[in-house]
Amino acid sequence: MRDVNELVGVVFSGLASLVVEDVADEGEFIRVQARTRDDPVQCPVCGQPTGRVHGIHRRTIADVPTDGRRVVVSVQVRRLVCPVLGCPRQTFREQVPGLIERYQRRTRRLADQLGSVVKELAGRAGARLSRVLASAISRSTALRLLARLPLPVVRVPRVLGVDDFALKRRHRYATVLIDAETGERIDVLPSRGADALERWLREHPGVEIVCRDGSGAYGEAVRRALPAAVQVSDRWHLWKNLCEKTLAEVRSHSACWATANTPRPAGVHEQTTRERWHQIHDLLGKGVGLLECARRMNLSLNTVKRYARTREPEALRRAPRYRPTLVDPYRDHLRKRRAADPAVPVKQLFREVQEQGYTGSFNLLYRYITQGRAEGDRPVTTPRWLARLLLTRPDHLRDKDTSLLADLTKACPEMTQLASFIREFAQLLTPAAGNDKKLTAWMVGVRTAQLPYLHAFANGLELDRAAVNASLTLPHHNGRTEGVNTRTKRIMRQMHGRAGFDLLRHRILLH
């Protein structure tokens, strides 16, 4: 019997505050008979200890599973009499702190275990997993457990990270606030306007530094509520904006650097693009406005603007960049045969390359030839690929990409200037003292170059110059806030269409 008692003490150690009297195997679950100890208990009103028993009650509660089966604890608790005359509570039922809470049907440790499950999986998924854990609950119970989990106390961080995320893309957005130094969630606001953030900052003074993206609304809210706070623009967004302007700049000069490309016959899309460019410029030359051009040609206004800004139709050319195929090793043979006999059937070429070891299909060879890839030495470089080469660290480029970049930039002086400006700006993204002065010199150099899209980027930096200077000289950033937004998207996918903002906010702050 002594060994059995020790085994019960090990298996049901969480019930140590009770006296376990019996353990019975009832098939689908294990029933534990227990009672409270005969110790005096303080009155919940006056605090006077008492051991005088008025009556006995039974409570049935669930505990954590054992051996893959549910555990049901039948607890005998006492109703005690308060010894103080005139106490509002003449009798009261004793509780077991740390194990059984008032009105609860689960032990504290089982409630904590299920709370961890619903915090990660919420309703339906949490209910499914609870059945596997032999602690089955319904989806509604899972949501009630989730809503009952206490939120962390709102505190005011020294460095605040602010960013928005979409509740319904292009319709409704919310704002998440975190501690930019630790990544701790602080609060979630139901909108992304300046008024909501300003109200929160006024109600929670003490923020010294605010990390944000280029949003003008957030910047205005911080200036109104905390004029002495330092605003830090996010460096990732600065680089992203530069990448977009770089691609636009490369496209606008494609007629220049494309001379280093292998020529490719114009397709139907390019012919249509050239005809549309001439039509739009003819209308503009006759004094027709942009909006009227869009109406006459049945195009969007932004499309007409893009054509109007382009000086040559070749700048709108977008050539594909093909991936390597099984036909590439036989390109020289195909080129020689087609040069000697332009009317040679593709089936004949297919038989010839098969004899040389070609293992691909006939359709692959046919597309390869009709796309004009057999005549070119290499695929035509696209503006997007050149922009990627310009924006990649030089020591991360392969040798053939380095030589290709050198050839393309050598063919266009503007691309040489653009590459130099990109390298200089990339060095500024490592925070250091004096970067603000270097940025001023960089912007002066940009404005002297014939790079209009880079001019627009520099003008945007000037509009938010104080925050940009802080981002280049201070170590703070908004990266942790972006990480919280990534995890928020996972939470929203779990709850899509089935929960409101309050529950979403609850889960974000619990993670």
Protein backbone atom coordinates (compact mmCIF):
# COMPACT_ATOMS: atom_id res chain seq x y z
CA MET A 1 0.00 0.00 0.00
CA ARG A 2 2.91 2.32 0.71
CA ASP A 3 4.18 1.85 -2.84
CA VAL A 4 0.72 2.58 -4.24
CA ASN A 5 0.50 5.81 -2.25
CA GLU A 6 3.89 6.88 -3.57
CA LEU A 7 2.78 6.12 -7.12
CA VAL A 8 -0.38 8.18 -6.64
CA GLY A 9 1.72 11.01 -5.25
CA VAL A 10 3.90 10.95 -8.38
CA VAL A 11 1.13 10.64 -10.99
CA PHE A 12 -1.19 13.16 -9.30
CA SER A 13 1.43 15.45 -7.81
CA GLY A 14 -0.59 18.45 -8.94
CA LEU A 15 -3.25 17.48 -6.41
CA ALA A 16 -0.82 17.67 -3.48
CA SER A 17 -2.96 20.32 -1.74
CA LEU A 18 -5.75 17.70 -1.46
CA VAL A 19 -5.96 14.41 0.34
CA VAL A 20 -6.32 11.67 -2.31
CA GLU A 21 -8.47 8.88 -0.92
CA ASP A 22 -9.05 6.65 -3.95
CA VAL A 23 -8.24 6.26 -7.64
CA ALA A 24 -10.63 4.27 -9.84
CA ASP A 25 -10.32 3.17 -13.46
CA GLU A 26 -13.70 3.77 -15.12
CA GLY A 27 -12.78 2.91 -18.71
CA GLU A 28 -12.81 6.12 -20.71
CA PHE A 29 -11.59 8.22 -17.77
CA ILE A 30 -9.87 7.97 -14.40
CA ARG A 31 -11.76 9.12 -11.32
CA VAL A 32 -9.89 10.50 -8.32
CA GLN A 33 -11.68 10.72 -4.97
CA ALA A 34 -10.19 13.49 -2.81
CA ARG A 35 -11.02 15.90 -0.02
CA THR A 36 -9.63 19.12 1.37
CA ARG A 37 -7.34 19.13 4.38
CA ASP A 38 -8.65 19.75 7.90
CA ASP A 39 -6.86 23.06 8.26
CA PRO A 40 -8.46 26.33 9.39
CA VAL A 41 -9.50 28.63 6.55
CA GLN A 42 -9.82 32.43 6.64
CA CYS A 43 -13.20 34.02 6.07
CA PRO A 44 -13.18 35.74 2.65
CA VAL A 45 -14.84 38.85 4.18
CA CYS A 46 -13.39 39.46 7.64
CA GLY A 47 -10.29 37.27 7.34
CA GLN A 48 -10.88 35.44 10.64
CA PRO A 49 -9.63 31.79 10.49
CA THR A 50 -12.13 29.08 11.32
CA GLY A 51 -12.33 25.29 11.24
CA ARG A 52 -15.97 24.90 12.29
CA VAL A 53 -17.77 22.79 9.67
CA HIS A 54 -21.31 23.70 8.69
CA GLY A 55 -21.72 21.13 5.91
CA ILE A 56 -20.04 19.07 3.20
CA HIS A 57 -20.27 19.60 -0.57
CA ARG A 58 -19.01 17.74 -3.62
CA ARG A 59 -17.29 19.38 -6.58
CA THR A 60 -16.42 17.55 -9.80
CA ILE A 61 -13.54 19.05 -11.73
CA ALA A 62 -11.36 17.97 -14.65
CA ASP A 63 -7.59 17.63 -14.33
CA VAL A 64 -4.79 17.14 -16.87
CA PRO A 65 -5.00 13.75 -18.66
CA THR A 66 -3.07 10.70 -17.48
CA ASP A 67 -2.21 7.70 -19.67
CA GLY A 68 -4.02 9.42 -22.57
CA ARG A 69 -7.34 9.44 -20.68
CA ARG A 70 -9.36 12.13 -18.98
CA VAL A 71 -8.96 12.61 -15.24
CA VAL A 72 -12.05 13.55 -13.21
CA VAL A 73 -11.52 14.66 -9.61
CA SER A 74 -14.41 14.40 -7.17
CA VAL A 75 -13.48 16.78 -4.36
CA GLN A 76 -15.18 16.94 -0.99
CA VAL A 77 -15.09 20.52 0.26
CA ARG A 78 -16.34 22.00 3.50
CA ARG A 79 -18.78 24.78 4.18
CA LEU A 80 -17.43 26.61 7.20
CA VAL A 81 -19.00 28.94 9.76
CA CYS A 82 -17.46 32.36 10.36
CA PRO A 83 -16.78 32.82 14.11
CA VAL A 84 -17.31 36.60 14.02
CA LEU A 85 -20.82 37.66 14.98
CA GLY A 86 -22.32 40.14 12.53
CA CYS A 87 -20.05 39.11 9.64
CA PRO A 88 -21.95 39.43 6.32
CA ARG A 89 -20.79 35.94 5.40
CA GLN A 90 -22.06 33.67 8.16
CA THR A 91 -21.04 30.57 6.17
CA PHE A 92 -18.75 30.13 3.20
CA ARG A 93 -17.40 27.33 1.01
CA GLU A 94 -13.66 26.84 1.19
CA GLN A 95 -11.52 27.17 -1.93
CA VAL A 96 -8.21 25.60 -2.87
CA PRO A 97 -5.95 28.47 -4.04
CA GLY A 98 -3.71 27.54 -6.95
CA LEU A 99 -5.72 24.45 -7.80
CA ILE A 100 -9.45 25.16 -7.93
CA GLU A 101 -10.92 28.59 -8.57
CA ARG A 102 -14.44 29.70 -7.69
CA TYR A 103 -17.11 28.44 -10.14
CA GLN A 104 -14.51 26.62 -12.28
CA ARG A 105 -14.85 23.04 -13.56
CA ARG A 106 -11.13 22.65 -14.41
CA THR A 107 -8.01 22.72 -12.32
CA ARG A 108 -5.70 25.66 -12.74
CA ARG A 109 -3.03 23.60 -14.52
CA LEU A 110 -5.55 22.16 -17.02
CA ALA A 111 -6.91 25.64 -17.66
CA ASP A 112 -3.35 26.90 -18.26
CA GLN A 113 -2.66 24.02 -20.64
CA LEU A 114 -5.81 24.66 -22.66
CA GLY A 115 -5.10 28.39 -22.55
CA SER A 116 -1.76 27.80 -24.27
CA VAL A 117 -3.53 25.75 -26.96
CA VAL A 118 -6.26 28.31 -27.70
CA LYS A 119 -3.77 31.17 -27.61
CA GLU A 120 -1.99 29.61 -30.60
CA LEU A 121 -4.94 28.04 -32.44
CA ALA A 122 -8.08 29.89 -31.25
CA GLY A 123 -11.50 28.26 -31.75
CA ARG A 124 -11.98 25.40 -34.21
CA ALA A 125 -8.34 24.32 -34.46
CA GLY A 126 -7.94 24.55 -30.69
CA ALA A 127 -11.02 22.39 -30.17
CA ARG A 128 -9.66 19.75 -32.57
CA LEU A 129 -6.31 19.61 -30.80
CA SER A 130 -7.97 19.44 -27.37
CA ARG A 131 -9.68 16.20 -28.41
CA VAL A 132 -6.30 14.70 -29.29
CA LEU A 133 -5.00 15.79 -25.86
CA ALA A 134 -7.92 14.03 -24.12
CA SER A 135 -9.27 17.35 -22.84
CA ALA A 136 -12.07 17.90 -25.35
CA ILE A 137 -13.69 21.35 -25.44
CA SER A 138 -16.00 22.98 -27.94
CA ARG A 139 -15.00 25.87 -30.21
CA SER A 140 -17.17 28.26 -28.17
CA THR A 141 -15.48 27.14 -24.96
CA ALA A 142 -12.11 27.60 -26.63
CA LEU A 143 -12.98 31.21 -27.46
CA ARG A 144 -14.22 31.83 -23.93
CA LEU A 145 -10.95 30.46 -22.53
CA LEU A 146 -9.05 32.69 -24.94
CA ALA A 147 -11.03 35.80 -23.95
CA ARG A 148 -10.46 34.98 -20.28
CA LEU A 149 -6.67 34.97 -20.60
CA PRO A 150 -5.35 38.15 -18.95
CA LEU A 151 -3.66 40.71 -21.18
CA PRO A 152 -0.28 42.13 -20.17
CA VAL A 153 -0.38 45.46 -18.38
CA VAL A 154 -0.01 48.33 -20.84
CA ARG A 155 3.30 50.07 -20.28
CA VAL A 156 4.90 52.98 -22.07
CA PRO A 157 8.17 52.04 -23.83
CA ARG A 158 11.05 54.40 -24.37
CA VAL A 159 11.30 53.45 -28.08
CA LEU A 160 7.91 52.88 -29.73
CA GLY A 161 7.48 50.99 -33.00
CA VAL A 162 4.42 51.92 -35.10
CA ASP A 163 3.11 50.21 -38.22
CA ASP A 164 -0.21 49.45 -39.89
CA PHE A 165 -1.71 46.23 -41.19
CA ALA A 166 -4.79 45.47 -43.26
CA LEU A 167 -7.96 44.21 -41.62
CA LYS A 168 -9.53 44.20 -45.09
CA ARG A 169 -7.12 45.15 -47.83
CA ARG A 170 -7.79 48.53 -49.44
CA HIS A 171 -10.73 49.10 -47.08
CA ARG A 172 -9.89 48.91 -43.36
CA TYR A 173 -6.55 49.07 -41.56
CA ALA A 174 -5.35 48.91 -37.95
CA THR A 175 -2.21 50.07 -36.13
CA VAL A 176 0.07 47.92 -34.00
CA LEU A 177 2.33 49.44 -31.33
CA ILE A 178 5.32 47.57 -29.92
CA ASP A 179 8.42 48.16 -27.88
CA ALA A 180 11.01 48.57 -30.63
CA GLU A 181 13.82 47.50 -28.29
CA THR A 182 12.32 44.23 -27.01
CA GLY A 183 9.58 43.42 -29.55
CA GLU A 184 6.90 43.31 -26.83
CA ARG A 185 3.38 44.10 -28.04
CA ILE A 186 2.02 47.25 -26.42
CA ASP A 187 -1.37 47.91 -28.01
CA VAL A 188 -3.44 47.58 -31.18
CA LEU A 189 -5.50 50.52 -32.46
CA PRO A 190 -8.61 49.99 -34.62
CA SER A 191 -7.52 52.46 -37.35
CA ARG A 192 -4.37 53.88 -38.90
CA GLY A 193 -5.27 57.53 -38.90
CA ALA A 194 -3.37 60.28 -37.12
CA ASP A 195 -6.16 60.91 -34.60
CA ALA A 196 -6.09 57.39 -33.12
CA LEU A 197 -2.31 57.42 -32.62
CA GLU A 198 -2.32 60.97 -31.28
CA ARG A 199 -4.99 60.04 -28.73
CA TRP A 200 -2.99 57.03 -27.55
CA LEU A 201 0.23 59.05 -27.23
CA ARG A 202 -1.51 61.73 -25.16
CA GLU A 203 -3.02 59.08 -22.86
CA HIS A 204 0.36 57.33 -22.44
CA PRO A 205 3.08 59.99 -22.18
CA GLY A 206 6.71 59.03 -21.84
CA VAL A 207 7.71 57.89 -25.34
CA GLU A 208 11.06 59.35 -26.37
CA ILE A 209 11.69 57.78 -29.80
CA VAL A 210 9.13 56.65 -32.41
CA CYS A 211 10.14 54.26 -35.21
CA ARG A 212 7.80 54.36 -38.19
CA ASP A 213 7.67 54.04 -41.96
CA GLY A 214 7.22 57.00 -44.31
CA SER A 215 3.57 57.49 -43.33
CA GLY A 216 2.69 61.17 -43.13
CA ALA A 217 -0.27 60.44 -40.83
CA TYR A 218 1.89 58.81 -38.17
CA GLY A 219 4.47 61.56 -38.42
CA GLU A 220 1.82 64.25 -37.97
CA ALA A 221 0.34 62.43 -34.96
CA VAL A 222 3.73 62.25 -33.25
CA ARG A 223 4.46 65.92 -33.97
CA ARG A 224 1.15 66.99 -32.45
CA ALA A 225 1.23 64.76 -29.38
CA LEU A 226 4.98 64.56 -28.65
CA PRO A 227 6.78 67.45 -30.33
CA ALA A 228 10.00 66.64 -28.42
CA ALA A 229 10.08 62.97 -29.47
CA VAL A 230 12.62 61.79 -32.04
CA GLN A 231 11.08 60.20 -35.13
CA VAL A 232 13.07 57.48 -36.90
CA SER A 233 12.18 56.48 -40.46
CA ASP A 234 12.52 52.79 -41.25
CA ARG A 235 15.65 52.01 -43.28
CA TRP A 236 14.03 49.05 -45.03
CA HIS A 237 11.37 51.33 -46.50
CA LEU A 238 14.05 53.80 -47.61
CA TRP A 239 15.82 51.03 -49.50
CA LYS A 240 12.54 49.73 -50.93
CA ASN A 241 11.68 53.19 -52.27
CA LEU A 242 15.13 53.45 -53.84
CA CYS A 243 14.63 50.04 -55.49
CA GLU A 244 11.37 51.19 -57.07
CA LYS A 245 12.94 54.40 -58.38
CA THR A 246 15.93 52.44 -59.68
CA LEU A 247 13.69 50.15 -61.72
CA ALA A 248 11.83 53.15 -63.15
CA GLU A 249 15.12 54.84 -64.01
CA VAL A 250 16.47 51.72 -65.72
CA ARG A 251 13.31 51.39 -67.80
CA SER A 252 13.43 55.03 -68.86
CA HIS A 253 17.01 54.59 -70.16
CA SER A 254 16.56 51.16 -71.73
CA ALA A 255 17.00 52.61 -75.21
CA CYS A 256 20.54 53.52 -74.18
CA TRP A 257 21.88 50.52 -72.27
CA ALA A 258 19.95 48.04 -74.43
CA THR A 259 22.49 48.63 -77.21
CA ALA A 260 24.74 46.21 -75.31
CA ASN A 261 21.98 43.58 -75.46
CA THR A 262 21.68 40.86 -78.03
CA PRO A 263 19.04 42.07 -80.53
CA ARG A 264 15.73 40.27 -80.57
CA PRO A 265 12.95 40.49 -83.16
CA ALA A 266 10.04 42.64 -82.13
CA GLY A 267 6.89 40.73 -81.18
CA VAL A 268 3.23 41.63 -81.44
CA HIS A 269 3.24 43.19 -77.97
CA GLU A 270 6.17 45.46 -78.82
CA GLN A 271 4.56 46.54 -82.08
CA THR A 272 1.34 47.40 -80.25
CA THR A 273 3.32 49.34 -77.65
CA ARG A 274 5.15 51.34 -80.33
CA GLU A 275 1.89 52.18 -82.15
CA ARG A 276 0.24 53.27 -78.90
CA TRP A 277 3.24 55.47 -78.04
CA HIS A 278 2.99 57.25 -81.40
CA GLN A 279 -0.79 57.71 -81.03
CA ILE A 280 -0.48 59.25 -77.57
CA HIS A 281 2.36 61.57 -78.55
CA ASP A 282 0.51 62.66 -81.69
CA LEU A 283 -2.51 63.64 -79.56
CA LEU A 284 -0.31 65.44 -77.06
CA GLY A 285 1.41 67.29 -79.91
CA LYS A 286 -2.00 68.54 -81.04
CA GLY A 287 -2.69 70.00 -77.59
CA VAL A 288 -4.98 67.22 -76.31
CA GLY A 289 -4.80 66.80 -72.53
CA LEU A 290 -3.84 63.61 -70.71
CA LEU A 291 -7.37 62.92 -69.46
CA GLU A 292 -8.84 63.39 -72.93
CA CYS A 293 -6.18 61.07 -74.40
CA ALA A 294 -7.15 58.41 -71.90
CA ARG A 295 -10.83 58.81 -72.81
CA ARG A 296 -10.23 58.67 -76.58
CA MET A 297 -7.93 55.63 -76.43
CA ASN A 298 -9.88 53.84 -73.71
CA LEU A 299 -6.83 53.62 -71.44
CA SER A 300 -6.28 54.42 -67.80
CA LEU A 301 -4.85 57.84 -66.94
CA ASN A 302 -1.74 56.31 -65.32
CA THR A 303 -1.00 54.35 -68.51
CA VAL A 304 -1.22 57.50 -70.61
CA LYS A 305 1.06 59.31 -68.15
CA ARG A 306 3.65 56.51 -68.40
CA TYR A 307 3.66 56.72 -72.20
CA ALA A 308 3.80 60.52 -72.10
CA ARG A 309 6.88 60.52 -69.82
CA THR A 310 8.76 58.14 -72.11
CA ARG A 311 10.83 59.92 -74.71
CA GLU A 312 11.34 56.92 -77.04
CA PRO A 313 9.05 53.92 -77.61
CA GLU A 314 12.01 51.54 -77.19
CA ALA A 315 12.17 52.55 -73.53
CA LEU A 316 8.90 50.65 -72.97
CA ARG A 317 10.32 47.44 -74.36
CA ARG A 318 10.16 44.56 -71.91
CA ALA A 319 12.09 41.57 -73.17
CA PRO A 320 11.74 38.22 -71.37
CA ARG A 321 14.66 36.57 -69.60
CA TYR A 322 14.49 32.85 -70.25
CA ARG A 323 15.63 30.13 -67.90
CA PRO A 324 18.20 27.52 -68.97
CA THR A 325 16.70 24.57 -70.88
CA LEU A 326 17.78 21.20 -72.26
CA VAL A 327 18.15 22.80 -75.72
CA ASP A 328 20.94 25.22 -74.72
CA PRO A 329 23.86 22.79 -75.37
CA TYR A 330 22.66 22.37 -78.99
CA ARG A 331 22.22 26.06 -79.79
CA ASP A 332 25.31 26.27 -82.00
CA HIS A 333 24.15 23.33 -84.12
CA LEU A 334 20.67 24.83 -84.52
CA ARG A 335 22.11 28.21 -85.48
CA LYS A 336 24.38 26.72 -88.15
CA ARG A 337 21.64 24.53 -89.65
CA ARG A 338 19.12 27.39 -89.80
CA ALA A 339 21.70 29.75 -91.28
CA ALA A 340 22.53 27.23 -94.01
CA ASP A 341 18.91 26.26 -94.68
CA PRO A 342 16.29 28.68 -93.21
CA ALA A 343 13.45 26.36 -94.31
CA VAL A 344 14.73 23.25 -92.53
CA PRO A 345 11.78 21.53 -90.75
CA VAL A 346 11.79 21.49 -86.98
CA LYS A 347 11.17 17.72 -87.02
CA GLN A 348 14.42 17.27 -88.93
CA LEU A 349 16.27 19.38 -86.36
CA PHE A 350 14.63 17.35 -83.61
CA ARG A 351 15.95 14.09 -85.05
CA GLU A 352 19.44 15.55 -85.45
CA VAL A 353 19.77 16.82 -81.89
CA GLN A 354 18.33 13.53 -80.58
CA GLU A 355 21.21 11.73 -82.28
CA GLN A 356 23.57 14.09 -80.43
CA GLY A 357 22.03 13.25 -77.05
CA TYR A 358 19.08 15.64 -76.68
CA THR A 359 16.58 14.19 -74.16
CA GLY A 360 13.92 16.92 -74.19
CA SER A 361 10.56 16.97 -75.96
CA PHE A 362 9.67 18.15 -79.44
CA ASN A 363 7.43 20.92 -78.02
CA LEU A 364 10.31 22.34 -75.99
CA LEU A 365 12.52 22.50 -79.09
CA TYR A 366 9.70 24.04 -81.13
CA ARG A 367 9.08 26.84 -78.57
CA TYR A 368 12.81 27.44 -78.31
CA ILE A 369 13.10 28.08 -82.03
CA THR A 370 9.90 30.12 -82.41
CA GLN A 371 10.96 32.39 -79.55
CA GLY A 372 14.13 33.28 -81.47
CA ARG A 373 16.45 31.88 -78.83
CA ALA A 374 18.50 29.83 -81.26
CA GLU A 375 19.83 32.97 -83.04
CA GLY A 376 20.92 34.89 -79.91
CA ASP A 377 24.14 34.29 -78.00
CA ARG A 378 22.32 34.87 -74.69
CA PRO A 379 18.88 35.99 -73.53
CA VAL A 380 18.08 39.69 -73.66
CA THR A 381 18.57 41.42 -70.32
CA THR A 382 15.36 42.93 -68.97
CA PRO A 383 15.14 46.23 -67.04
CA ARG A 384 14.13 44.29 -63.93
CA TRP A 385 17.21 42.09 -64.14
CA LEU A 386 19.54 45.06 -64.65
CA ALA A 387 17.93 46.81 -61.66
CA ARG A 388 18.54 43.69 -59.60
CA LEU A 389 22.20 43.65 -60.61
CA LEU A 390 22.55 47.31 -59.68
CA LEU A 391 20.93 46.77 -56.27
CA THR A 392 22.91 43.66 -55.32
CA ARG A 393 26.08 43.97 -53.29
CA PRO A 394 29.04 43.68 -55.70
CA ASP A 395 30.69 40.92 -53.66
CA HIS A 396 27.47 38.86 -53.90
CA LEU A 397 27.41 38.86 -57.72
CA ARG A 398 28.67 35.98 -59.82
CA ASP A 399 31.54 36.64 -62.21
CA LYS A 400 29.32 36.52 -65.30
CA ASP A 401 26.81 38.92 -63.67
CA THR A 402 29.63 41.30 -62.79
CA SER A 403 30.87 41.37 -66.37
CA LEU A 404 27.30 41.77 -67.70
CA LEU A 405 26.71 44.71 -65.35
CA ALA A 406 29.97 46.32 -66.46
CA ASP A 407 28.99 46.00 -70.14
CA LEU A 408 25.51 47.45 -69.63
CA THR A 409 26.59 50.41 -67.49
CA LYS A 410 29.45 51.18 -69.87
CA ALA A 411 26.95 51.54 -72.71
CA CYS A 412 24.94 54.18 -70.81
CA PRO A 413 26.51 57.05 -68.78
CA GLU A 414 23.32 57.49 -66.76
CA MET A 415 23.51 53.86 -65.61
CA THR A 416 27.10 54.43 -64.50
CA GLN A 417 25.97 57.39 -62.40
CA LEU A 418 23.00 55.42 -61.06
CA ALA A 419 25.24 52.54 -59.96
CA SER A 420 27.52 54.97 -58.12
CA PHE A 421 24.60 56.66 -56.33
CA ILE A 422 23.16 53.30 -55.28
CA ARG A 423 26.46 52.15 -53.75
CA GLU A 424 26.84 55.43 -51.86
CA PHE A 425 23.30 55.30 -50.47
CA ALA A 426 23.70 51.65 -49.46
CA GLN A 427 26.70 52.62 -47.32
CA LEU A 428 24.58 55.26 -45.55
CA LEU A 429 22.10 52.58 -44.41
CA THR A 430 24.63 51.41 -41.82
CA PRO A 431 23.93 53.88 -38.96
CA ALA A 432 26.90 56.04 -38.05
CA ALA A 433 27.60 59.55 -36.89
CA GLY A 434 27.94 62.01 -39.76
CA ASN A 435 25.69 60.10 -42.17
CA ASP A 436 23.25 63.01 -42.20
CA LYS A 437 25.93 65.28 -43.70
CA LYS A 438 26.88 62.59 -46.21
CA LEU A 439 23.22 62.35 -47.19
CA THR A 440 23.16 66.06 -47.92
CA ALA A 441 26.15 65.68 -50.25
CA TRP A 442 24.51 62.64 -51.87
CA MET A 443 21.30 64.57 -52.56
CA VAL A 444 23.25 67.47 -54.08
CA GLY A 445 24.99 65.05 -56.44
CA VAL A 446 21.69 63.40 -57.41
CA ARG A 447 20.13 66.72 -58.36
CA THR A 448 23.00 67.48 -60.74
CA ALA A 449 22.54 64.19 -62.63
CA GLN A 450 20.04 63.48 -65.42
CA LEU A 451 18.09 60.98 -63.34
CA PRO A 452 14.54 62.36 -62.86
CA TYR A 453 13.19 59.38 -60.89
CA LEU A 454 16.10 59.63 -58.47
CA HIS A 455 15.29 63.35 -58.15
CA ALA A 456 11.80 62.38 -56.98
CA PHE A 457 13.32 60.00 -54.42
CA ALA A 458 15.58 62.77 -53.10
CA ASN A 459 12.62 65.15 -52.86
CA GLY A 460 10.73 62.57 -50.82
CA LEU A 461 13.67 62.27 -48.42
CA GLU A 462 13.72 66.05 -48.01
CA LEU A 463 10.05 66.11 -46.98
CA ASP A 464 10.83 63.82 -44.02
CA ARG A 465 14.43 64.84 -43.54
CA ALA A 466 14.57 64.81 -39.73
CA ALA A 467 13.27 61.23 -39.51
CA VAL A 468 15.58 60.11 -42.32
CA ASN A 469 18.61 61.67 -40.59
CA ALA A 470 17.68 59.85 -37.37
CA SER A 471 17.38 56.52 -39.21
CA LEU A 472 20.88 56.91 -40.68
CA THR A 473 22.54 57.93 -37.43
CA LEU A 474 20.62 56.02 -34.70
CA PRO A 475 20.57 52.22 -34.23
CA HIS A 476 16.78 52.02 -33.84
CA HIS A 477 14.62 50.54 -36.59
CA ASN A 478 11.15 49.18 -37.28
CA GLY A 479 12.18 45.63 -38.11
CA ARG A 480 10.55 44.07 -35.05
CA THR A 481 7.26 45.77 -35.91
CA GLU A 482 7.38 44.24 -39.38
CA GLY A 483 7.96 40.86 -37.78
CA VAL A 484 4.90 41.34 -35.56
CA ASN A 485 2.88 42.19 -38.67
CA THR A 486 4.03 38.96 -40.32
CA ARG A 487 2.82 36.93 -37.34
CA THR A 488 -0.40 38.97 -37.29
CA LYS A 489 -1.14 37.82 -40.84
CA ARG A 490 -0.87 34.21 -39.68
CA ILE A 491 -3.31 34.92 -36.86
CA MET A 492 -5.73 36.59 -39.27
CA ARG A 493 -5.62 33.61 -41.63
CA GLN A 494 -6.67 31.37 -38.73
CA MET A 495 -9.57 33.69 -37.88
CA HIS A 496 -10.56 34.82 -41.38
CA GLY A 497 -14.23 35.79 -41.52
CA ARG A 498 -15.06 34.36 -38.08
CA ALA A 499 -13.92 36.90 -35.52
CA GLY A 500 -13.97 40.61 -34.84
CA PHE A 501 -11.33 43.17 -33.99
CA ASP A 502 -11.53 42.65 -30.21
CA LEU A 503 -10.55 38.99 -30.43
CA LEU A 504 -7.83 39.74 -32.98
CA ARG A 505 -6.39 42.42 -30.69
CA HIS A 506 -6.51 39.96 -27.77
CA ARG A 507 -4.50 37.34 -29.66
CA ILE A 508 -1.94 39.82 -30.96
CA LEU A 509 -1.23 41.15 -27.48
CA LEU A 510 -0.97 37.62 -26.02
CA HIS A 511 1.73 36.55 -28.49
